[in-house]
Amino acid sequence: MSDADVANPTGALLLLGATVFLLGAMYVVCYTFFIANWEGWESWNRRTGLDSEIAEEERLRRRGLK
């Protein structure tokens, strides 16, 4: 019979392992959904109206480098 005041290293390791496993599973699920729905930068730029080349030119122009 175990005392309530005594630490249980086996239980602590199981709890730590379960936490790490749960975090890993959540990462895999979120990453899988993200990759399945990602259409690429070209689609993102078209949808948002942003263009990386134009943005880079604008940044350089504002800094006076071009």
N, C-alpha and C. Protein backbone atom coordinates (compact mmCIF):
# COMPACT_ATOMS: atom_id res chain seq x y z
N MET A 1 0.85 -1.18 0.00
CA MET A 1 0.00 0.00 0.00
C MET A 1 0.89 1.24 0.00
N SER A 2 0.65 2.16 -0.92
CA SER A 2 1.51 3.34 -1.03
C SER A 2 0.92 4.51 -0.26
N ASP A 3 1.83 5.30 0.27
CA ASP A 3 1.42 6.50 1.00
C ASP A 3 1.15 7.63 0.02
N ALA A 4 0.24 8.50 0.38
CA ALA A 4 -0.08 9.65 -0.47
C ALA A 4 1.02 10.70 -0.41
N ASP A 5 1.85 10.68 0.63
CA ASP A 5 2.89 11.68 0.80
C ASP A 5 4.18 11.33 0.06
N VAL A 6 4.27 10.11 -0.45
CA VAL A 6 5.51 9.65 -1.09
C VAL A 6 5.38 9.84 -2.61
N ALA A 7 6.45 10.36 -3.22
CA ALA A 7 6.45 10.58 -4.67
C ALA A 7 6.47 9.23 -5.39
N ASN A 8 5.81 9.20 -6.52
CA ASN A 8 5.74 7.98 -7.32
C ASN A 8 6.46 8.23 -8.64
N PRO A 9 7.73 7.82 -8.76
CA PRO A 9 8.49 8.11 -9.98
C PRO A 9 7.92 7.41 -11.22
N THR A 10 7.37 6.23 -11.05
CA THR A 10 6.78 5.53 -12.20
C THR A 10 5.58 6.29 -12.74
N GLY A 11 4.74 6.75 -11.86
CA GLY A 11 3.58 7.54 -12.28
C GLY A 11 3.99 8.85 -12.91
N ALA A 12 5.03 9.47 -12.37
CA ALA A 12 5.51 10.74 -12.93
C ALA A 12 6.05 10.54 -14.34
N LEU A 13 6.80 9.46 -14.55
CA LEU A 13 7.32 9.18 -15.89
C LEU A 13 6.20 8.84 -16.87
N LEU A 14 5.21 8.11 -16.41
CA LEU A 14 4.07 7.81 -17.28
C LEU A 14 3.31 9.07 -17.66
N LEU A 15 3.13 9.96 -16.70
CA LEU A 15 2.44 11.22 -16.97
C LEU A 15 3.25 12.09 -17.93
N LEU A 16 4.56 12.14 -17.74
CA LEU A 16 5.42 12.90 -18.65
C LEU A 16 5.39 12.31 -20.05
N GLY A 17 5.47 10.99 -20.15
CA GLY A 17 5.40 10.34 -21.46
C GLY A 17 4.08 10.57 -22.16
N ALA A 18 2.99 10.52 -21.41
CA ALA A 18 1.68 10.76 -22.01
C ALA A 18 1.56 12.19 -22.50
N THR A 19 2.12 13.14 -21.76
CA THR A 19 2.09 14.54 -22.17
C THR A 19 2.88 14.75 -23.46
N VAL A 20 4.08 14.19 -23.52
CA VAL A 20 4.90 14.32 -24.73
C VAL A 20 4.21 13.66 -25.91
N PHE A 21 3.64 12.49 -25.70
CA PHE A 21 2.93 11.79 -26.77
C PHE A 21 1.74 12.61 -27.26
N LEU A 22 0.99 13.20 -26.36
CA LEU A 22 -0.17 14.01 -26.73
C LEU A 22 0.25 15.24 -27.53
N LEU A 23 1.30 15.92 -27.09
CA LEU A 23 1.79 17.08 -27.83
C LEU A 23 2.28 16.69 -29.23
N GLY A 24 2.96 15.57 -29.33
CA GLY A 24 3.41 15.08 -30.64
C GLY A 24 2.25 14.74 -31.55
N ALA A 25 1.24 14.10 -31.01
CA ALA A 25 0.07 13.75 -31.81
C ALA A 25 -0.66 15.00 -32.29
N MET A 26 -0.78 16.01 -31.44
CA MET A 26 -1.44 17.26 -31.85
C MET A 26 -0.64 17.94 -32.95
N TYR A 27 0.68 17.93 -32.84
CA TYR A 27 1.53 18.53 -33.87
C TYR A 27 1.33 17.81 -35.21
N VAL A 28 1.33 16.49 -35.19
CA VAL A 28 1.17 15.72 -36.43
C VAL A 28 -0.18 16.00 -37.07
N VAL A 29 -1.23 16.04 -36.29
CA VAL A 29 -2.58 16.29 -36.83
C VAL A 29 -2.66 17.69 -37.43
N CYS A 30 -2.19 18.70 -36.70
CA CYS A 30 -2.25 20.08 -37.22
C CYS A 30 -1.39 20.23 -38.46
N TYR A 31 -0.21 19.66 -38.48
CA TYR A 31 0.68 19.75 -39.63
C TYR A 31 0.06 19.05 -40.83
N THR A 32 -0.58 17.90 -40.61
CA THR A 32 -1.22 17.17 -41.71
C THR A 32 -2.35 17.99 -42.31
N PHE A 33 -3.19 18.60 -41.49
CA PHE A 33 -4.27 19.44 -42.02
C PHE A 33 -3.71 20.63 -42.77
N PHE A 34 -2.65 21.24 -42.24
CA PHE A 34 -2.06 22.41 -42.90
C PHE A 34 -1.51 22.03 -44.27
N ILE A 35 -0.76 20.95 -44.35
CA ILE A 35 -0.16 20.53 -45.62
C ILE A 35 -1.24 20.12 -46.61
N ALA A 36 -2.29 19.48 -46.16
CA ALA A 36 -3.36 19.05 -47.06
C ALA A 36 -4.08 20.23 -47.68
N ASN A 37 -4.16 21.36 -46.96
CA ASN A 37 -4.89 22.52 -47.46
C ASN A 37 -3.99 23.59 -48.06
N TRP A 38 -2.69 23.44 -47.96
CA TRP A 38 -1.77 24.46 -48.47
C TRP A 38 -1.70 24.37 -49.98
N GLU A 39 -1.88 25.49 -50.65
CA GLU A 39 -1.88 25.53 -52.11
C GLU A 39 -0.62 26.14 -52.67
N GLY A 40 0.26 26.61 -51.83
CA GLY A 40 1.52 27.19 -52.29
C GLY A 40 1.52 28.71 -52.21
N TRP A 41 2.72 29.26 -52.34
CA TRP A 41 2.88 30.71 -52.22
C TRP A 41 2.22 31.46 -53.36
N GLU A 42 2.21 30.86 -54.56
CA GLU A 42 1.60 31.55 -55.69
C GLU A 42 0.11 31.78 -55.44
N SER A 43 -0.56 30.78 -54.94
CA SER A 43 -1.98 30.91 -54.62
C SER A 43 -2.19 31.92 -53.50
N TRP A 44 -1.31 31.88 -52.50
CA TRP A 44 -1.42 32.83 -51.38
C TRP A 44 -1.25 34.26 -51.88
N ASN A 45 -0.25 34.49 -52.72
CA ASN A 45 -0.01 35.83 -53.24
C ASN A 45 -1.17 36.30 -54.10
N ARG A 46 -1.73 35.42 -54.90
CA ARG A 46 -2.87 35.77 -55.75
C ARG A 46 -4.08 36.14 -54.90
N ARG A 47 -4.33 35.34 -53.88
CA ARG A 47 -5.51 35.55 -53.04
C ARG A 47 -5.40 36.82 -52.20
N THR A 48 -4.21 37.11 -51.71
CA THR A 48 -4.04 38.28 -50.84
C THR A 48 -3.65 39.53 -51.61
N GLY A 49 -3.28 39.39 -52.86
CA GLY A 49 -2.85 40.54 -53.64
C GLY A 49 -1.41 40.92 -53.35
N LEU A 50 -0.69 40.08 -52.63
CA LEU A 50 0.70 40.36 -52.31
C LEU A 50 1.60 39.66 -53.33
N ASP A 51 2.66 40.31 -53.70
CA ASP A 51 3.62 39.73 -54.62
C ASP A 51 5.00 39.91 -54.00
N SER A 52 5.73 38.83 -53.85
CA SER A 52 6.99 38.90 -53.12
C SER A 52 8.01 39.78 -53.83
N GLU A 53 8.06 39.74 -55.16
CA GLU A 53 9.02 40.57 -55.89
C GLU A 53 8.71 42.06 -55.72
N ILE A 54 7.44 42.41 -55.84
CA ILE A 54 7.05 43.81 -55.68
C ILE A 54 7.29 44.27 -54.25
N ALA A 55 7.01 43.41 -53.28
CA ALA A 55 7.24 43.76 -51.88
C ALA A 55 8.73 43.98 -51.61
N GLU A 56 9.59 43.15 -52.19
CA GLU A 56 11.03 43.31 -52.01
C GLU A 56 11.51 44.62 -52.64
N GLU A 57 11.03 44.93 -53.84
CA GLU A 57 11.40 46.20 -54.48
C GLU A 57 10.94 47.39 -53.65
N GLU A 58 9.74 47.31 -53.11
CA GLU A 58 9.22 48.40 -52.28
C GLU A 58 10.05 48.57 -51.01
N ARG A 59 10.45 47.47 -50.41
CA ARG A 59 11.27 47.53 -49.19
C ARG A 59 12.62 48.18 -49.49
N LEU A 60 13.25 47.79 -50.60
CA LEU A 60 14.54 48.38 -50.97
C LEU A 60 14.39 49.86 -51.31
N ARG A 61 13.30 50.22 -51.99
CA ARG A 61 13.08 51.62 -52.36
C ARG A 61 12.90 52.48 -51.11
N ARG A 62 12.18 51.96 -50.13
CA ARG A 62 11.95 52.72 -48.89
C ARG A 62 13.23 52.92 -48.10
N ARG A 63 14.13 51.95 -48.18
CA ARG A 63 15.39 52.08 -47.46
C ARG A 63 16.41 52.90 -48.25
N GLY A 64 16.06 53.25 -49.47
CA GLY A 64 16.96 54.05 -50.29
C GLY A 64 18.10 53.26 -50.89
N LEU A 65 17.93 51.95 -51.01
CA LEU A 65 18.99 51.11 -51.56
C LEU A 65 18.86 50.93 -53.06
N LYS A 66 17.80 51.40 -53.62
CA LYS A 66 17.59 51.18 -55.05
C LYS A 66 17.15 52.44 -55.73
